[in-house]
Amino acid sequence: MDLREILRVIRSRAGVIAAVVILAVAATGLSTHFLMEPKYEASTKLIVNKSSVQDNGYGITWDDVTVNVQLIATYKELIRTEAIMNEVLSKHPDIGLSGRELMETVTVSSVNGTQVMTVVAQDESYERAALIVNAVSEVFKSKVVEIMKVDNVTILNNAAADEKPAPISPNLAMNVAISLVLSLMFSLGIVFLLHHLNDTIMSEEEIMSELNLPILATIKQIDKKDLYRHRAGKPSRKAAESVYVTANQ
């Protein structure tokens, strides 16, 4: 199938393609706006060190920083444990989640080579998301002293509960764009599949290509007005035309 044939197939089914795309985009936009619950995100930042003054009286050395960086992975896993989450829920029962649900709400990340950790919570309410990350950070600050014998934990910033940021999801523009692309691909695939399965000869070029025979004559498709005139006993040709053939009844 050459480019002209592809364009011909698309042009002949343009209405179907447009209808599928419009319906898909409209359904996606409406469902995103009315059915999907918005989600908000709140975050805090923590830094964990050993004590600022060691037993030998010296401050933190480069080796201490290296060890702390290597321990970041341990701290990240420690935050998302039931020991921390259950403590958070006991202090803040108004969160209204189970330990497992709270654990799934919280994520912890860090930039490679740094001692800074970011605690993030996503929830349908920004106020609850801010409460969760602030509570988790405070509980971790107290529990890590017992578990890891670390006494220098600093919360760099808390989530402001009085803010009202834009939701991070659902993303209406992205969902509509994805729906547009997928529906266009789907409709084109269906159109070309139907064209491939249809073995009807549609043009003179297809006759010559499939049968390898010359075309001697073509019969024009009968117009409905001519058909009505024939049934009414009127000539099917216009009065200005000089020659026409009538059938004997």
Protein backbone atom coordinates (compact mmCIF):
# COMPACT_ATOMS: atom_id res chain seq x y z
CA MET A 1 0.00 0.00 0.00
CA ASP A 2 1.54 3.26 -1.17
CA LEU A 3 1.17 6.68 0.36
CA ARG A 4 -1.67 7.71 -1.96
CA GLU A 5 -3.63 4.60 -1.03
CA ILE A 6 -3.07 5.25 2.67
CA LEU A 7 -4.30 8.82 2.32
CA ARG A 8 -7.32 7.65 0.33
CA VAL A 9 -8.29 5.15 3.03
CA ILE A 10 -7.90 7.77 5.77
CA ARG A 11 -9.91 10.33 3.80
CA SER A 12 -12.70 7.86 3.12
CA ARG A 13 -12.99 7.01 6.83
CA ALA A 14 -12.23 10.46 8.23
CA GLY A 15 -15.67 10.74 9.80
CA VAL A 16 -15.27 7.47 11.73
CA ILE A 17 -11.79 8.43 12.90
CA ALA A 18 -12.95 11.87 14.04
CA ALA A 19 -15.97 10.41 15.86
CA VAL A 20 -13.86 7.88 17.78
CA VAL A 21 -11.28 10.51 18.76
CA ILE A 22 -13.89 13.05 19.86
CA LEU A 23 -15.82 10.51 21.94
CA ALA A 24 -12.66 9.19 23.60
CA VAL A 25 -11.32 12.65 24.42
CA ALA A 26 -14.69 13.83 25.74
CA ALA A 27 -15.10 10.72 27.90
CA THR A 28 -11.58 11.09 29.28
CA GLY A 29 -12.04 14.76 30.06
CA LEU A 30 -15.39 14.26 31.80
CA SER A 31 -14.25 11.24 33.81
CA THR A 32 -11.05 13.01 34.86
CA HIS A 33 -12.91 16.12 35.96
CA PHE A 34 -15.92 14.56 37.66
CA LEU A 35 -14.96 11.02 38.70
CA MET A 36 -11.28 11.09 39.72
CA GLU A 37 -10.49 12.36 43.18
CA PRO A 38 -7.70 14.99 43.25
CA LYS A 39 -4.55 14.12 45.18
CA TYR A 40 -2.30 16.54 47.02
CA GLU A 41 1.33 16.24 48.06
CA ALA A 42 3.16 17.55 51.13
CA SER A 43 6.82 17.08 52.01
CA THR A 44 9.43 17.66 54.69
CA LYS A 45 13.23 17.51 54.61
CA LEU A 46 15.46 15.84 57.20
CA ILE A 47 19.19 15.59 57.77
CA VAL A 48 20.69 12.91 60.04
CA ASN A 49 24.18 13.11 61.53
CA LYS A 50 26.14 11.69 64.36
CA SER A 51 26.64 13.93 67.34
CA SER A 52 28.29 17.20 66.35
CA VAL A 53 30.98 16.61 69.02
CA GLN A 54 32.67 13.21 69.20
CA ASP A 55 34.17 11.54 72.25
CA ASN A 56 37.63 12.78 71.26
CA GLY A 57 36.42 16.37 71.29
CA TYR A 58 36.63 16.86 67.53
CA GLY A 59 33.74 17.79 65.25
CA ILE A 60 32.34 15.72 62.42
CA THR A 61 35.04 14.35 60.13
CA TRP A 62 34.90 13.43 56.45
CA ASP A 63 34.70 9.77 57.41
CA ASP A 64 31.63 10.53 59.52
CA VAL A 65 29.94 12.22 56.57
CA THR A 66 30.75 9.26 54.33
CA VAL A 67 29.27 6.83 56.85
CA ASN A 68 26.15 8.97 57.23
CA VAL A 69 25.64 9.09 53.47
CA GLN A 70 25.91 5.32 53.30
CA LEU A 71 23.35 5.01 56.11
CA ILE A 72 20.76 7.08 54.22
CA ALA A 73 19.37 3.92 52.59
CA THR A 74 18.89 2.44 56.08
CA TYR A 75 17.12 5.57 57.33
CA LYS A 76 14.83 5.58 54.29
CA GLU A 77 13.70 2.05 55.02
CA LEU A 78 13.46 2.75 58.75
CA ILE A 79 10.96 5.57 58.22
CA ARG A 80 8.59 3.29 56.33
CA THR A 81 8.34 0.62 59.03
CA GLU A 82 5.45 -0.31 61.29
CA ALA A 83 7.43 0.86 64.33
CA ILE A 84 7.35 4.42 63.02
CA MET A 85 3.89 4.28 61.47
CA ASN A 86 2.18 2.79 64.52
CA GLU A 87 3.79 5.44 66.71
CA VAL A 88 2.47 8.13 64.35
CA LEU A 89 -1.04 6.68 64.50
CA SER A 90 -0.98 6.43 68.29
CA LYS A 91 -0.11 10.12 68.56
CA HIS A 92 -2.44 11.22 65.75
CA PRO A 93 -5.48 8.90 65.60
CA ASP A 94 -7.33 11.58 63.62
CA ILE A 95 -5.31 10.54 60.55
CA GLY A 96 -7.81 7.70 60.18
CA LEU A 97 -5.58 5.22 58.35
CA SER A 98 -4.17 1.82 59.20
CA GLY A 99 -0.45 1.26 59.55
CA ARG A 100 -0.28 -0.42 56.14
CA GLU A 101 -2.27 2.35 54.45
CA LEU A 102 -0.09 5.00 56.06
CA MET A 103 3.02 3.19 54.90
CA GLU A 104 1.74 3.20 51.31
CA THR A 105 1.00 6.91 51.55
CA VAL A 106 4.55 7.89 52.53
CA THR A 107 7.61 7.80 50.28
CA VAL A 108 11.18 8.76 51.12
CA SER A 109 13.83 9.92 48.67
CA SER A 110 17.30 11.44 48.76
CA VAL A 111 19.80 12.98 46.39
CA ASN A 112 22.81 10.76 45.84
CA GLY A 113 25.83 11.85 47.83
CA THR A 114 23.89 13.97 50.33
CA GLN A 115 22.56 13.44 53.85
CA VAL A 116 19.25 15.18 53.11
CA MET A 117 16.12 13.04 52.95
CA THR A 118 12.74 14.14 51.63
CA VAL A 119 9.62 12.62 53.17
CA VAL A 120 6.58 12.89 50.91
CA ALA A 121 2.93 12.04 51.57
CA GLN A 122 0.12 12.00 49.02
CA ASP A 123 -3.51 12.19 50.06
CA GLU A 124 -6.89 13.40 48.86
CA SER A 125 -6.68 16.11 51.53
CA TYR A 126 -3.68 18.42 51.63
CA GLU A 127 -4.22 19.10 55.33
CA ARG A 128 -3.98 15.39 56.13
CA ALA A 129 -0.95 14.96 53.85
CA ALA A 130 0.82 17.79 55.70
CA LEU A 131 -0.15 16.29 59.05
CA ILE A 132 1.21 12.90 58.00
CA VAL A 133 4.66 14.08 56.85
CA ASN A 134 5.11 16.38 59.85
CA ALA A 135 4.13 13.60 62.27
CA VAL A 136 6.30 11.00 60.55
CA SER A 137 9.30 13.34 60.64
CA GLU A 138 8.83 14.09 64.34
CA VAL A 139 8.41 10.42 65.28
CA PHE A 140 11.42 9.40 63.20
CA LYS A 141 13.49 12.10 64.89
CA SER A 142 12.71 10.61 68.29
CA LYS A 143 12.81 6.90 67.38
CA VAL A 144 16.07 6.97 65.42
CA VAL A 145 17.87 7.97 68.63
CA GLU A 146 16.79 4.69 70.23
CA ILE A 147 17.24 2.46 67.19
CA MET A 148 20.41 3.83 65.55
CA LYS A 149 21.97 5.69 68.51
CA VAL A 150 21.94 8.90 66.46
CA ASP A 151 21.32 12.11 68.40
CA ASN A 152 21.68 14.79 65.72
CA VAL A 153 18.52 14.78 63.57
CA THR A 154 17.37 18.07 62.14
CA ILE A 155 14.06 18.78 60.42
CA LEU A 156 15.00 21.31 57.77
CA ASN A 157 11.44 22.29 56.90
CA ASN A 158 7.92 21.25 57.80
CA ALA A 159 4.91 21.09 55.51
CA ALA A 160 2.73 24.16 55.94
CA ALA A 161 -0.77 22.96 56.77
CA ASP A 162 -2.38 26.32 55.97
CA GLU A 163 -1.35 26.26 52.30
CA LYS A 164 -3.62 25.08 49.52
CA PRO A 165 -1.44 23.98 46.58
CA ALA A 166 -2.76 22.68 43.30
CA PRO A 167 -3.41 18.93 43.19
CA ILE A 168 -0.68 16.80 41.62
CA SER A 169 -3.22 14.44 40.06
CA PRO A 170 -5.25 13.87 38.04
CA ASN A 171 -3.57 15.83 35.26
CA LEU A 172 -6.40 16.78 32.92
CA ALA A 173 -4.18 18.00 30.08
CA MET A 174 -1.98 14.90 30.16
CA ASN A 175 -4.92 12.51 30.34
CA VAL A 176 -6.62 14.21 27.39
CA ALA A 177 -3.39 14.17 25.37
CA ILE A 178 -2.87 10.45 26.06
CA SER A 179 -6.48 9.73 25.18
CA LEU A 180 -6.12 11.70 21.93
CA VAL A 181 -3.05 9.74 20.85
CA LEU A 182 -4.40 6.32 21.85
CA SER A 183 -7.83 6.87 20.30
CA LEU A 184 -6.25 8.11 17.07
CA MET A 185 -3.99 5.06 16.90
CA PHE A 186 -6.91 2.75 17.72
CA SER A 187 -9.23 4.26 15.11
CA LEU A 188 -6.54 4.19 12.41
CA GLY A 189 -5.80 0.56 13.25
CA ILE A 190 -9.49 -0.37 12.98
CA VAL A 191 -9.87 1.53 9.70
CA PHE A 192 -6.89 -0.17 8.07
CA LEU A 193 -7.95 -3.56 9.42
CA LEU A 194 -11.41 -3.18 7.88
CA HIS A 195 -9.84 -2.02 4.65
CA HIS A 196 -7.56 -5.05 4.61
CA LEU A 197 -10.46 -7.45 5.25
CA ASN A 198 -12.65 -5.82 2.58
CA ASP A 199 -11.99 -7.53 -0.77
CA THR A 200 -14.47 -5.39 -2.72
CA ILE A 201 -13.01 -3.74 -5.82
CA MET A 202 -13.59 -0.03 -5.41
CA SER A 203 -11.93 1.61 -8.43
CA GLU A 204 -10.75 1.10 -12.00
CA GLU A 205 -7.17 1.02 -10.80
CA GLU A 206 -7.94 -1.94 -8.53
CA ILE A 207 -9.51 -3.81 -11.46
CA MET A 208 -6.41 -3.37 -13.56
CA SER A 209 -4.17 -4.25 -10.65
CA GLU A 210 -6.07 -7.34 -9.45
CA LEU A 211 -7.36 -8.79 -12.74
CA ASN A 212 -4.70 -7.45 -15.11
CA LEU A 213 -7.42 -6.63 -17.67
CA PRO A 214 -8.08 -3.42 -19.58
CA ILE A 215 -11.20 -1.38 -18.85
CA LEU A 216 -13.49 -1.10 -21.88
CA ALA A 217 -16.31 0.91 -20.36
CA THR A 218 -17.70 2.13 -17.08
CA ILE A 219 -21.30 2.43 -15.93
CA LYS A 220 -22.10 5.45 -13.87
CA GLN A 221 -23.99 4.94 -10.66
CA ILE A 222 -27.73 5.52 -11.10
CA ASP A 223 -28.93 8.71 -9.48
CA LYS A 224 -32.01 8.44 -7.27
CA LYS A 225 -33.77 11.17 -9.25
CA ASP A 226 -33.34 9.19 -12.46
CA LEU A 227 -34.70 6.10 -10.75
CA TYR A 228 -37.82 7.97 -9.61
CA ARG A 229 -38.34 9.37 -13.12
CA HIS A 230 -38.10 5.91 -14.62
CA ARG A 231 -40.69 4.55 -12.20
CA ALA A 232 -42.97 7.47 -13.03
CA GLY A 233 -42.68 6.77 -16.76
CA LYS A 234 -40.66 9.89 -17.46
CA PRO A 235 -37.50 9.89 -19.54
CA SER A 236 -34.36 9.69 -17.45
CA ARG A 237 -32.51 12.14 -19.67
CA LYS A 238 -32.79 15.89 -19.55
CA ALA A 239 -34.72 17.68 -22.29
CA ALA A 240 -31.61 19.38 -23.65
CA GLU A 241 -29.89 16.08 -24.35
CA SER A 242 -30.40 14.99 -27.95
CA VAL A 243 -30.04 11.22 -27.68
CA TYR A 244 -31.23 8.79 -25.05
CA VAL A 245 -32.47 5.24 -24.94
CA THR A 246 -35.78 4.15 -23.50
CA ALA A 247 -36.66 0.61 -22.57
CA ASN A 248 -39.70 -1.10 -24.11
CA GLN A 249 -42.17 -2.23 -21.53
